[in-house]
All heavy atoms as atom14 arrays in JSON, in Angstrom:
{
  "sequence": "EFNAFYPDENILFVSEGSLTEVARVDFEIGLMEEVVFENDAATPY",
  "atom14_mask": [
    [1, 1, 1, 1, 1, 1, 1, 1, 1, 0, 0, 0, 0, 0],
    [1, 1, 1, 1, 1, 1, 1, 1, 1, 1, 1, 0, 0, 0],
    [1, 1, 1, 1, 1, 1, 1, 1, 0, 0, 0, 0, 0, 0],
    [1, 1, 1, 1, 1, 0, 0, 0, 0, 0, 0, 0, 0, 0],
    [1, 1, 1, 1, 1, 1, 1, 1, 1, 1, 1, 0, 0, 0],
    [1, 1, 1, 1, 1, 1, 1, 1, 1, 1, 1, 1, 0, 0],
    [1, 1, 1, 1, 1, 1, 1, 0, 0, 0, 0, 0, 0, 0],
    [1, 1, 1, 1, 1, 1, 1, 1, 0, 0, 0, 0, 0, 0],
    [1, 1, 1, 1, 1, 1, 1, 1, 1, 0, 0, 0, 0, 0],
    [1, 1, 1, 1, 1, 1, 1, 1, 0, 0, 0, 0, 0, 0],
    [1, 1, 1, 1, 1, 1, 1, 1, 0, 0, 0, 0, 0, 0],
    [1, 1, 1, 1, 1, 1, 1, 1, 0, 0, 0, 0, 0, 0],
    [1, 1, 1, 1, 1, 1, 1, 1, 1, 1, 1, 0, 0, 0],
    [1, 1, 1, 1, 1, 1, 1, 0, 0, 0, 0, 0, 0, 0],
    [1, 1, 1, 1, 1, 1, 0, 0, 0, 0, 0, 0, 0, 0],
    [1, 1, 1, 1, 1, 1, 1, 1, 1, 0, 0, 0, 0, 0],
    [1, 1, 1, 1, 0, 0, 0, 0, 0, 0, 0, 0, 0, 0],
    [1, 1, 1, 1, 1, 1, 0, 0, 0, 0, 0, 0, 0, 0],
    [1, 1, 1, 1, 1, 1, 1, 1, 0, 0, 0, 0, 0, 0],
    [1, 1, 1, 1, 1, 1, 1, 0, 0, 0, 0, 0, 0, 0],
    [1, 1, 1, 1, 1, 1, 1, 1, 1, 0, 0, 0, 0, 0],
    [1, 1, 1, 1, 1, 1, 1, 0, 0, 0, 0, 0, 0, 0],
    [1, 1, 1, 1, 1, 0, 0, 0, 0, 0, 0, 0, 0, 0],
    [1, 1, 1, 1, 1, 1, 1, 1, 1, 1, 1, 0, 0, 0],
    [1, 1, 1, 1, 1, 1, 1, 0, 0, 0, 0, 0, 0, 0],
    [1, 1, 1, 1, 1, 1, 1, 1, 0, 0, 0, 0, 0, 0],
    [1, 1, 1, 1, 1, 1, 1, 1, 1, 1, 1, 0, 0, 0],
    [1, 1, 1, 1, 1, 1, 1, 1, 1, 0, 0, 0, 0, 0],
    [1, 1, 1, 1, 1, 1, 1, 1, 0, 0, 0, 0, 0, 0],
    [1, 1, 1, 1, 0, 0, 0, 0, 0, 0, 0, 0, 0, 0],
    [1, 1, 1, 1, 1, 1, 1, 1, 0, 0, 0, 0, 0, 0],
    [1, 1, 1, 1, 1, 1, 1, 1, 0, 0, 0, 0, 0, 0],
    [1, 1, 1, 1, 1, 1, 1, 1, 1, 0, 0, 0, 0, 0],
    [1, 1, 1, 1, 1, 1, 1, 1, 1, 0, 0, 0, 0, 0],
    [1, 1, 1, 1, 1, 1, 1, 0, 0, 0, 0, 0, 0, 0],
    [1, 1, 1, 1, 1, 1, 1, 0, 0, 0, 0, 0, 0, 0],
    [1, 1, 1, 1, 1, 1, 1, 1, 1, 1, 1, 0, 0, 0],
    [1, 1, 1, 1, 1, 1, 1, 1, 1, 0, 0, 0, 0, 0],
    [1, 1, 1, 1, 1, 1, 1, 1, 0, 0, 0, 0, 0, 0],
    [1, 1, 1, 1, 1, 1, 1, 1, 0, 0, 0, 0, 0, 0],
    [1, 1, 1, 1, 1, 0, 0, 0, 0, 0, 0, 0, 0, 0],
    [1, 1, 1, 1, 1, 0, 0, 0, 0, 0, 0, 0, 0, 0],
    [1, 1, 1, 1, 1, 1, 1, 0, 0, 0, 0, 0, 0, 0],
    [1, 1, 1, 1, 1, 1, 1, 0, 0, 0, 0, 0, 0, 0],
    [1, 1, 1, 1, 1, 1, 1, 1, 1, 1, 1, 1, 0, 0]
  ],
  "atom14_positions": [
    [[126.21, 122.34, 111.39], [127.06, 121.44, 112.16], [127.29, 120.14, 111.39], [128.41, 119.64, 111.32], [126.4, 121.17, 113.52], [127.33, 120.52, 114.52], [126.7, 120.41, 115.88], [125.7, 119.66, 116.03], [127.2, 121.07, 116.81], [0.0, 0.0, 0.0], [0.0, 0.0, 0.0], [0.0, 0.0, 0.0], [0.0, 0.0, 0.0], [0.0, 0.0, 0.0]],
    [[126.23, 119.6, 110.77], [126.35, 118.37, 109.99], [127.34, 118.58, 108.84], [128.21, 117.73, 108.61], [124.98, 117.95, 109.45], [125.02, 116.68, 108.65], [124.9, 115.46, 109.28], [125.19, 116.71, 107.28], [124.96, 114.27, 108.56], [125.24, 115.54, 106.54], [125.13, 114.32, 107.18], [0.0, 0.0, 0.0], [0.0, 0.0, 0.0], [0.0, 0.0, 0.0]],
    [[127.21, 119.68, 108.11], [128.1, 119.95, 106.99], [129.55, 120.12, 107.43], [130.47, 119.75, 106.71], [127.63, 121.18, 106.21], [126.35, 120.9, 105.44], [126.11, 119.79, 104.99], [125.52, 121.91, 105.3], [0.0, 0.0, 0.0], [0.0, 0.0, 0.0], [0.0, 0.0, 0.0], [0.0, 0.0, 0.0], [0.0, 0.0, 0.0], [0.0, 0.0, 0.0]],
    [[129.76, 120.65, 108.63], [131.12, 120.8, 109.16], [131.71, 119.44, 109.55], [132.87, 119.16, 109.28], [131.12, 121.74, 110.35], [0.0, 0.0, 0.0], [0.0, 0.0, 0.0], [0.0, 0.0, 0.0], [0.0, 0.0, 0.0], [0.0, 0.0, 0.0], [0.0, 0.0, 0.0], [0.0, 0.0, 0.0], [0.0, 0.0, 0.0], [0.0, 0.0, 0.0]],
    [[130.9, 118.59, 110.19], [131.38, 117.28, 110.65], [131.48, 116.26, 109.51], [132.35, 115.41, 109.52], [130.45, 116.71, 111.71], [130.48, 117.43, 113.03], [129.37, 117.39, 113.86], [131.57, 118.13, 113.47], [129.37, 118.03, 115.09], [131.6, 118.79, 114.68], [130.48, 118.74, 115.5], [0.0, 0.0, 0.0], [0.0, 0.0, 0.0], [0.0, 0.0, 0.0]],
    [[130.56, 116.32, 108.55], [130.47, 115.31, 107.49], [130.39, 116.0, 106.12], [129.36, 115.98, 105.46], [129.25, 114.42, 107.72], [129.17, 113.89, 109.12], [128.31, 114.47, 110.06], [129.96, 112.82, 109.54], [128.25, 114.0, 111.37], [129.91, 112.35, 110.84], [129.05, 112.95, 111.75], [129.0, 112.51, 113.04], [0.0, 0.0, 0.0], [0.0, 0.0, 0.0]],
    [[131.49, 116.61, 105.67], [131.46, 117.4, 104.44], [131.22, 116.58, 103.17], [130.81, 117.14, 102.15], [132.84, 118.07, 104.41], [133.7, 117.21, 105.26], [132.8, 116.62, 106.31], [0.0, 0.0, 0.0], [0.0, 0.0, 0.0], [0.0, 0.0, 0.0], [0.0, 0.0, 0.0], [0.0, 0.0, 0.0], [0.0, 0.0, 0.0], [0.0, 0.0, 0.0]],
    [[131.42, 115.28, 103.21], [131.23, 114.44, 102.03], [129.82, 113.86, 101.93], [129.54, 113.06, 101.04], [132.24, 113.28, 102.03], [133.67, 113.79, 101.92], [133.86, 114.87, 101.32], [134.58, 113.12, 102.44], [0.0, 0.0, 0.0], [0.0, 0.0, 0.0], [0.0, 0.0, 0.0], [0.0, 0.0, 0.0], [0.0, 0.0, 0.0], [0.0, 0.0, 0.0]],
    [[128.94, 114.26, 102.87], [127.57, 113.75, 102.87], [126.6, 114.91, 102.74], [126.95, 116.07, 102.95], [127.32, 112.95, 104.16], [128.25, 111.76, 104.28], [127.95, 110.89, 105.49], [126.77, 110.7, 105.82], [128.91, 110.4, 106.11], [0.0, 0.0, 0.0], [0.0, 0.0, 0.0], [0.0, 0.0, 0.0], [0.0, 0.0, 0.0], [0.0, 0.0, 0.0]],
    [[125.35, 114.58, 102.38], [124.32, 115.6, 102.18], [123.19, 115.4, 103.17], [122.83, 114.27, 103.5], [123.74, 115.49, 100.77], [124.8, 115.65, 99.71], [125.48, 116.65, 99.68], [124.94, 114.65, 98.86], [0.0, 0.0, 0.0], [0.0, 0.0, 0.0], [0.0, 0.0, 0.0], [0.0, 0.0, 0.0], [0.0, 0.0, 0.0], [0.0, 0.0, 0.0]],
    [[122.58, 116.51, 103.6], [121.41, 116.46, 104.46], [120.33, 117.32, 103.82], [120.61, 118.38, 103.26], [121.72, 116.92, 105.9], [120.48, 116.76, 106.79], [122.26, 118.33, 105.92], [120.75, 116.98, 108.26], [0.0, 0.0, 0.0], [0.0, 0.0, 0.0], [0.0, 0.0, 0.0], [0.0, 0.0, 0.0], [0.0, 0.0, 0.0], [0.0, 0.0, 0.0]],
    [[119.09, 116.82, 103.89], [117.97, 117.54, 103.31], [116.77, 117.41, 104.24], [116.35, 116.3, 104.58], [117.62, 116.95, 101.93], [116.47, 117.57, 101.18], [116.76, 119.03, 100.86], [116.19, 116.79, 99.91], [0.0, 0.0, 0.0], [0.0, 0.0, 0.0], [0.0, 0.0, 0.0], [0.0, 0.0, 0.0], [0.0, 0.0, 0.0], [0.0, 0.0, 0.0]],
    [[116.24, 118.55, 104.67], [115.03, 118.59, 105.46], [113.87, 118.83, 104.5], [113.92, 119.74, 103.67], [115.08, 119.71, 106.51], [115.95, 119.4, 107.68], [117.3, 119.68, 107.64], [115.42, 118.82, 108.81], [118.12, 119.4, 108.74], [116.23, 118.54, 109.91], [117.58, 118.82, 109.87], [0.0, 0.0, 0.0], [0.0, 0.0, 0.0], [0.0, 0.0, 0.0]],
    [[112.82, 118.01, 104.62], [111.65, 118.13, 103.76], [110.39, 118.07, 104.61], [110.44, 117.74, 105.8], [111.61, 117.01, 102.69], [112.83, 117.08, 101.78], [111.49, 115.64, 103.32], [0.0, 0.0, 0.0], [0.0, 0.0, 0.0], [0.0, 0.0, 0.0], [0.0, 0.0, 0.0], [0.0, 0.0, 0.0], [0.0, 0.0, 0.0], [0.0, 0.0, 0.0]],
    [[109.26, 118.37, 103.98], [107.97, 118.25, 104.65], [106.93, 117.85, 103.62], [107.28, 117.46, 102.49], [107.59, 119.56, 105.35], [106.52, 119.32, 106.24], [0.0, 0.0, 0.0], [0.0, 0.0, 0.0], [0.0, 0.0, 0.0], [0.0, 0.0, 0.0], [0.0, 0.0, 0.0], [0.0, 0.0, 0.0], [0.0, 0.0, 0.0], [0.0, 0.0, 0.0]],
    [[105.66, 117.97, 103.98], [104.57, 117.59, 103.09], [104.68, 118.32, 101.76], [104.96, 119.5, 101.72], [103.23, 117.95, 103.74], [102.98, 117.25, 105.05], [101.76, 117.82, 105.76], [100.69, 117.89, 105.13], [101.9, 118.19, 106.93], [0.0, 0.0, 0.0], [0.0, 0.0, 0.0], [0.0, 0.0, 0.0], [0.0, 0.0, 0.0], [0.0, 0.0, 0.0]],
    [[104.46, 117.6, 100.67], [104.47, 118.2, 99.35], [105.84, 118.38, 98.74], [105.95, 118.92, 97.64], [0.0, 0.0, 0.0], [0.0, 0.0, 0.0], [0.0, 0.0, 0.0], [0.0, 0.0, 0.0], [0.0, 0.0, 0.0], [0.0, 0.0, 0.0], [0.0, 0.0, 0.0], [0.0, 0.0, 0.0], [0.0, 0.0, 0.0], [0.0, 0.0, 0.0]],
    [[106.89, 117.94, 99.39], [108.23, 118.08, 98.84], [108.43, 117.09, 97.7], [107.84, 116.01, 97.68], [109.29, 117.8, 99.91], [109.21, 118.77, 100.92], [0.0, 0.0, 0.0], [0.0, 0.0, 0.0], [0.0, 0.0, 0.0], [0.0, 0.0, 0.0], [0.0, 0.0, 0.0], [0.0, 0.0, 0.0], [0.0, 0.0, 0.0], [0.0, 0.0, 0.0]],
    [[109.26, 117.47, 96.73], [109.57, 116.56, 95.63], [110.37, 115.35, 96.11], [110.23, 114.26, 95.58], [110.32, 117.29, 94.52], [109.53, 118.39, 93.81], [110.42, 119.11, 92.8], [108.3, 117.81, 93.14], [0.0, 0.0, 0.0], [0.0, 0.0, 0.0], [0.0, 0.0, 0.0], [0.0, 0.0, 0.0], [0.0, 0.0, 0.0], [0.0, 0.0, 0.0]],
    [[111.22, 115.56, 97.09], [111.98, 114.47, 97.69], [111.19, 113.94, 98.87], [110.74, 114.7, 99.71], [113.36, 114.94, 98.17], [114.06, 115.5, 97.06], [114.16, 113.8, 98.76], [0.0, 0.0, 0.0], [0.0, 0.0, 0.0], [0.0, 0.0, 0.0], [0.0, 0.0, 0.0], [0.0, 0.0, 0.0], [0.0, 0.0, 0.0], [0.0, 0.0, 0.0]],
    [[111.0, 112.63, 98.92], [110.22, 112.01, 99.99], [111.03, 110.92, 100.67], [111.93, 110.33, 100.07], [108.94, 111.4, 99.43], [108.0, 112.41, 98.83], [106.74, 111.75, 98.27], [106.72, 110.52, 98.11], [105.79, 112.5, 97.98], [0.0, 0.0, 0.0], [0.0, 0.0, 0.0], [0.0, 0.0, 0.0], [0.0, 0.0, 0.0], [0.0, 0.0, 0.0]],
    [[110.67, 110.63, 101.9], [111.27, 109.51, 102.61], [110.62, 108.25, 102.06], [109.4, 108.06, 102.19], [111.03, 109.63, 104.13], [111.47, 108.37, 104.85], [111.77, 110.85, 104.67], [0.0, 0.0, 0.0], [0.0, 0.0, 0.0], [0.0, 0.0, 0.0], [0.0, 0.0, 0.0], [0.0, 0.0, 0.0], [0.0, 0.0, 0.0], [0.0, 0.0, 0.0]],
    [[111.4, 107.41, 101.4], [110.88, 106.2, 100.77], [110.98, 104.99, 101.7], [110.12, 104.13, 101.71], [111.61, 105.93, 99.47], [0.0, 0.0, 0.0], [0.0, 0.0, 0.0], [0.0, 0.0, 0.0], [0.0, 0.0, 0.0], [0.0, 0.0, 0.0], [0.0, 0.0, 0.0], [0.0, 0.0, 0.0], [0.0, 0.0, 0.0], [0.0, 0.0, 0.0]],
    [[112.06, 104.91, 102.44], [112.31, 103.78, 103.34], [112.72, 104.37, 104.69], [113.81, 104.9, 104.83], [113.43, 102.9, 102.78], [113.74, 101.67, 103.62], [114.96, 100.92, 103.1], [116.09, 101.77, 102.75], [116.98, 102.24, 103.63], [116.87, 101.98, 104.91], [117.98, 103.0, 103.21], [0.0, 0.0, 0.0], [0.0, 0.0, 0.0], [0.0, 0.0, 0.0]],
    [[111.86, 104.26, 105.66], [112.1, 104.88, 106.97], [113.14, 104.07, 107.74], [112.96, 102.88, 107.98], [110.79, 104.97, 107.78], [111.06, 105.56, 109.15], [109.75, 105.79, 107.03], [0.0, 0.0, 0.0], [0.0, 0.0, 0.0], [0.0, 0.0, 0.0], [0.0, 0.0, 0.0], [0.0, 0.0, 0.0], [0.0, 0.0, 0.0], [0.0, 0.0, 0.0]],
    [[114.24, 104.73, 108.11], [115.26, 104.11, 108.95], [115.03, 104.42, 110.43], [115.43, 103.66, 111.3], [116.65, 104.61, 108.56], [117.06, 104.13, 107.18], [116.8, 102.95, 106.86], [117.63, 104.93, 106.42], [0.0, 0.0, 0.0], [0.0, 0.0, 0.0], [0.0, 0.0, 0.0], [0.0, 0.0, 0.0], [0.0, 0.0, 0.0], [0.0, 0.0, 0.0]],
    [[114.38, 105.56, 110.69], [114.16, 105.99, 112.07], [112.95, 106.92, 112.06], [112.81, 107.75, 111.17], [115.4, 106.73, 112.58], [115.29, 107.24, 113.98], [115.39, 106.37, 115.06], [115.1, 108.59, 114.23], [115.29, 106.85, 116.35], [115.0, 109.07, 115.52], [115.1, 108.19, 116.59], [0.0, 0.0, 0.0], [0.0, 0.0, 0.0], [0.0, 0.0, 0.0]],
    [[112.09, 106.75, 113.06], [110.89, 107.58, 113.14], [110.58, 107.87, 114.6], [110.72, 107.0, 115.46], [109.71, 106.83, 112.5], [108.43, 107.61, 112.48], [107.36, 106.91, 111.66], [107.54, 105.73, 111.28], [106.34, 107.54, 111.39], [0.0, 0.0, 0.0], [0.0, 0.0, 0.0], [0.0, 0.0, 0.0], [0.0, 0.0, 0.0], [0.0, 0.0, 0.0]],
    [[110.18, 109.09, 114.86], [109.88, 109.48, 116.23], [108.83, 110.58, 116.19], [108.71, 111.31, 115.22], [111.15, 109.96, 116.97], [110.92, 110.06, 118.46], [111.66, 111.25, 116.4], [112.2, 110.21, 119.28], [0.0, 0.0, 0.0], [0.0, 0.0, 0.0], [0.0, 0.0, 0.0], [0.0, 0.0, 0.0], [0.0, 0.0, 0.0], [0.0, 0.0, 0.0]],
    [[108.07, 110.67, 117.25], [107.07, 111.73, 117.37], [105.67, 111.2, 117.24], [105.42, 110.0, 117.21], [0.0, 0.0, 0.0], [0.0, 0.0, 0.0], [0.0, 0.0, 0.0], [0.0, 0.0, 0.0], [0.0, 0.0, 0.0], [0.0, 0.0, 0.0], [0.0, 0.0, 0.0], [0.0, 0.0, 0.0], [0.0, 0.0, 0.0], [0.0, 0.0, 0.0]],
    [[104.75, 112.13, 117.14], [103.34, 111.79, 117.09], [102.98, 111.11, 115.78], [103.41, 111.52, 114.72], [102.48, 113.04, 117.25], [102.61, 113.79, 118.57], [101.76, 115.05, 118.52], [102.17, 112.91, 119.72], [0.0, 0.0, 0.0], [0.0, 0.0, 0.0], [0.0, 0.0, 0.0], [0.0, 0.0, 0.0], [0.0, 0.0, 0.0], [0.0, 0.0, 0.0]],
    [[102.16, 110.07, 115.9], [101.59, 109.44, 114.72], [100.3, 110.17, 114.4], [99.87, 111.03, 115.14], [101.31, 107.95, 114.99], [102.55, 107.16, 115.36], [103.74, 107.08, 114.03], [102.95, 105.89, 112.99], [0.0, 0.0, 0.0], [0.0, 0.0, 0.0], [0.0, 0.0, 0.0], [0.0, 0.0, 0.0], [0.0, 0.0, 0.0], [0.0, 0.0, 0.0]],
    [[99.67, 109.81, 113.31], [98.4, 110.43, 112.98], [97.4, 110.18, 114.1], [97.4, 109.13, 114.73], [97.86, 109.86, 111.67], [98.68, 110.27, 110.47], [98.09, 109.76, 109.18], [96.87, 109.56, 109.12], [98.86, 109.55, 108.25], [0.0, 0.0, 0.0], [0.0, 0.0, 0.0], [0.0, 0.0, 0.0], [0.0, 0.0, 0.0], [0.0, 0.0, 0.0]],
    [[96.55, 111.15, 114.33], [95.57, 111.04, 115.38], [94.46, 110.08, 114.97], [94.23, 109.84, 113.79], [94.98, 112.41, 115.69], [96.0, 113.37, 116.24], [95.4, 114.72, 116.54], [94.16, 114.82, 116.65], [96.16, 115.68, 116.66], [0.0, 0.0, 0.0], [0.0, 0.0, 0.0], [0.0, 0.0, 0.0], [0.0, 0.0, 0.0], [0.0, 0.0, 0.0]],
    [[93.75, 109.54, 115.96], [92.62, 108.68, 115.7], [91.49, 109.53, 115.12], [91.19, 110.61, 115.62], [92.15, 107.97, 117.0], [90.9, 107.17, 116.75], [93.27, 107.1, 117.53], [0.0, 0.0, 0.0], [0.0, 0.0, 0.0], [0.0, 0.0, 0.0], [0.0, 0.0, 0.0], [0.0, 0.0, 0.0], [0.0, 0.0, 0.0], [0.0, 0.0, 0.0]],
    [[90.88, 109.06, 114.05], [89.8, 109.78, 113.39], [88.49, 109.14, 113.79], [88.35, 107.92, 113.76], [89.97, 109.72, 111.85], [88.81, 110.42, 111.16], [91.31, 110.32, 111.45], [0.0, 0.0, 0.0], [0.0, 0.0, 0.0], [0.0, 0.0, 0.0], [0.0, 0.0, 0.0], [0.0, 0.0, 0.0], [0.0, 0.0, 0.0], [0.0, 0.0, 0.0]],
    [[87.52, 109.96, 114.16], [86.22, 109.45, 114.57], [85.21, 109.66, 113.45], [85.02, 110.78, 112.98], [85.73, 110.14, 115.85], [86.55, 109.79, 117.04], [87.62, 110.57, 117.43], [86.27, 108.65, 117.78], [88.39, 110.23, 118.52], [87.03, 108.3, 118.87], [88.1, 109.09, 119.25], [0.0, 0.0, 0.0], [0.0, 0.0, 0.0], [0.0, 0.0, 0.0]],
    [[84.6, 108.57, 113.02], [83.55, 108.62, 112.02], [82.35, 107.88, 112.57], [82.46, 106.72, 112.95], [84.01, 107.96, 110.72], [85.17, 108.7, 110.06], [85.69, 107.96, 108.84], [85.14, 106.89, 108.51], [86.66, 108.44, 108.24], [0.0, 0.0, 0.0], [0.0, 0.0, 0.0], [0.0, 0.0, 0.0], [0.0, 0.0, 0.0], [0.0, 0.0, 0.0]],
    [[81.21, 108.55, 112.63], [79.98, 107.94, 113.12], [80.15, 107.36, 114.52], [79.74, 106.24, 114.8], [79.48, 106.86, 112.16], [79.2, 107.41, 110.79], [78.78, 108.55, 110.66], [79.45, 106.62, 109.77], [0.0, 0.0, 0.0], [0.0, 0.0, 0.0], [0.0, 0.0, 0.0], [0.0, 0.0, 0.0], [0.0, 0.0, 0.0], [0.0, 0.0, 0.0]],
    [[80.82, 108.11, 115.38], [81.02, 107.71, 116.77], [81.84, 106.44, 116.93], [81.8, 105.78, 117.96], [79.69, 107.56, 117.51], [78.96, 108.88, 117.59], [79.62, 109.94, 117.69], [77.73, 108.85, 117.54], [0.0, 0.0, 0.0], [0.0, 0.0, 0.0], [0.0, 0.0, 0.0], [0.0, 0.0, 0.0], [0.0, 0.0, 0.0], [0.0, 0.0, 0.0]],
    [[82.57, 106.04, 115.91], [83.43, 104.84, 116.01], [84.86, 105.26, 115.69], [85.11, 106.03, 114.77], [82.96, 103.76, 115.04], [0.0, 0.0, 0.0], [0.0, 0.0, 0.0], [0.0, 0.0, 0.0], [0.0, 0.0, 0.0], [0.0, 0.0, 0.0], [0.0, 0.0, 0.0], [0.0, 0.0, 0.0], [0.0, 0.0, 0.0], [0.0, 0.0, 0.0]],
    [[85.81, 104.76, 116.47], [87.22, 105.09, 116.26], [87.77, 104.31, 115.08], [87.52, 103.12, 114.93], [88.02, 104.79, 117.51], [0.0, 0.0, 0.0], [0.0, 0.0, 0.0], [0.0, 0.0, 0.0], [0.0, 0.0, 0.0], [0.0, 0.0, 0.0], [0.0, 0.0, 0.0], [0.0, 0.0, 0.0], [0.0, 0.0, 0.0], [0.0, 0.0, 0.0]],
    [[88.5, 105.0, 114.23], [89.19, 104.35, 113.12], [90.68, 104.4, 113.42], [91.29, 105.47, 113.31], [88.89, 105.08, 111.79], [87.49, 105.15, 111.61], [89.55, 104.37, 110.63], [0.0, 0.0, 0.0], [0.0, 0.0, 0.0], [0.0, 0.0, 0.0], [0.0, 0.0, 0.0], [0.0, 0.0, 0.0], [0.0, 0.0, 0.0], [0.0, 0.0, 0.0]],
    [[91.27, 103.29, 113.84], [92.7, 103.33, 114.21], [93.58, 103.45, 112.97], [93.2, 103.04, 111.88], [92.91, 102.0, 114.92], [91.86, 101.1, 114.36], [90.68, 101.97, 114.03], [0.0, 0.0, 0.0], [0.0, 0.0, 0.0], [0.0, 0.0, 0.0], [0.0, 0.0, 0.0], [0.0, 0.0, 0.0], [0.0, 0.0, 0.0], [0.0, 0.0, 0.0]],
    [[94.76, 104.0, 113.18], [95.77, 104.12, 112.13], [96.71, 102.93, 112.27], [97.26, 102.69, 113.34], [96.52, 105.44, 112.3], [97.73, 105.57, 111.41], [97.58, 105.9, 110.07], [99.01, 105.36, 111.9], [98.67, 106.03, 109.25], [100.11, 105.48, 111.09], [99.93, 105.82, 109.75], [101.03, 105.94, 108.95], [0.0, 0.0, 0.0], [0.0, 0.0, 0.0]]
  ]
}
């Protein structure tokens, strides 16, 4: 749909370990990293 609506632009879906990375976040949504427990103490992200 994106390629049909915007043929002069490119879209790329990536994930962990991809050569292309998001360098400057313009928009972010969803779960953040979970709280990690070490020695019964919470380590916030």
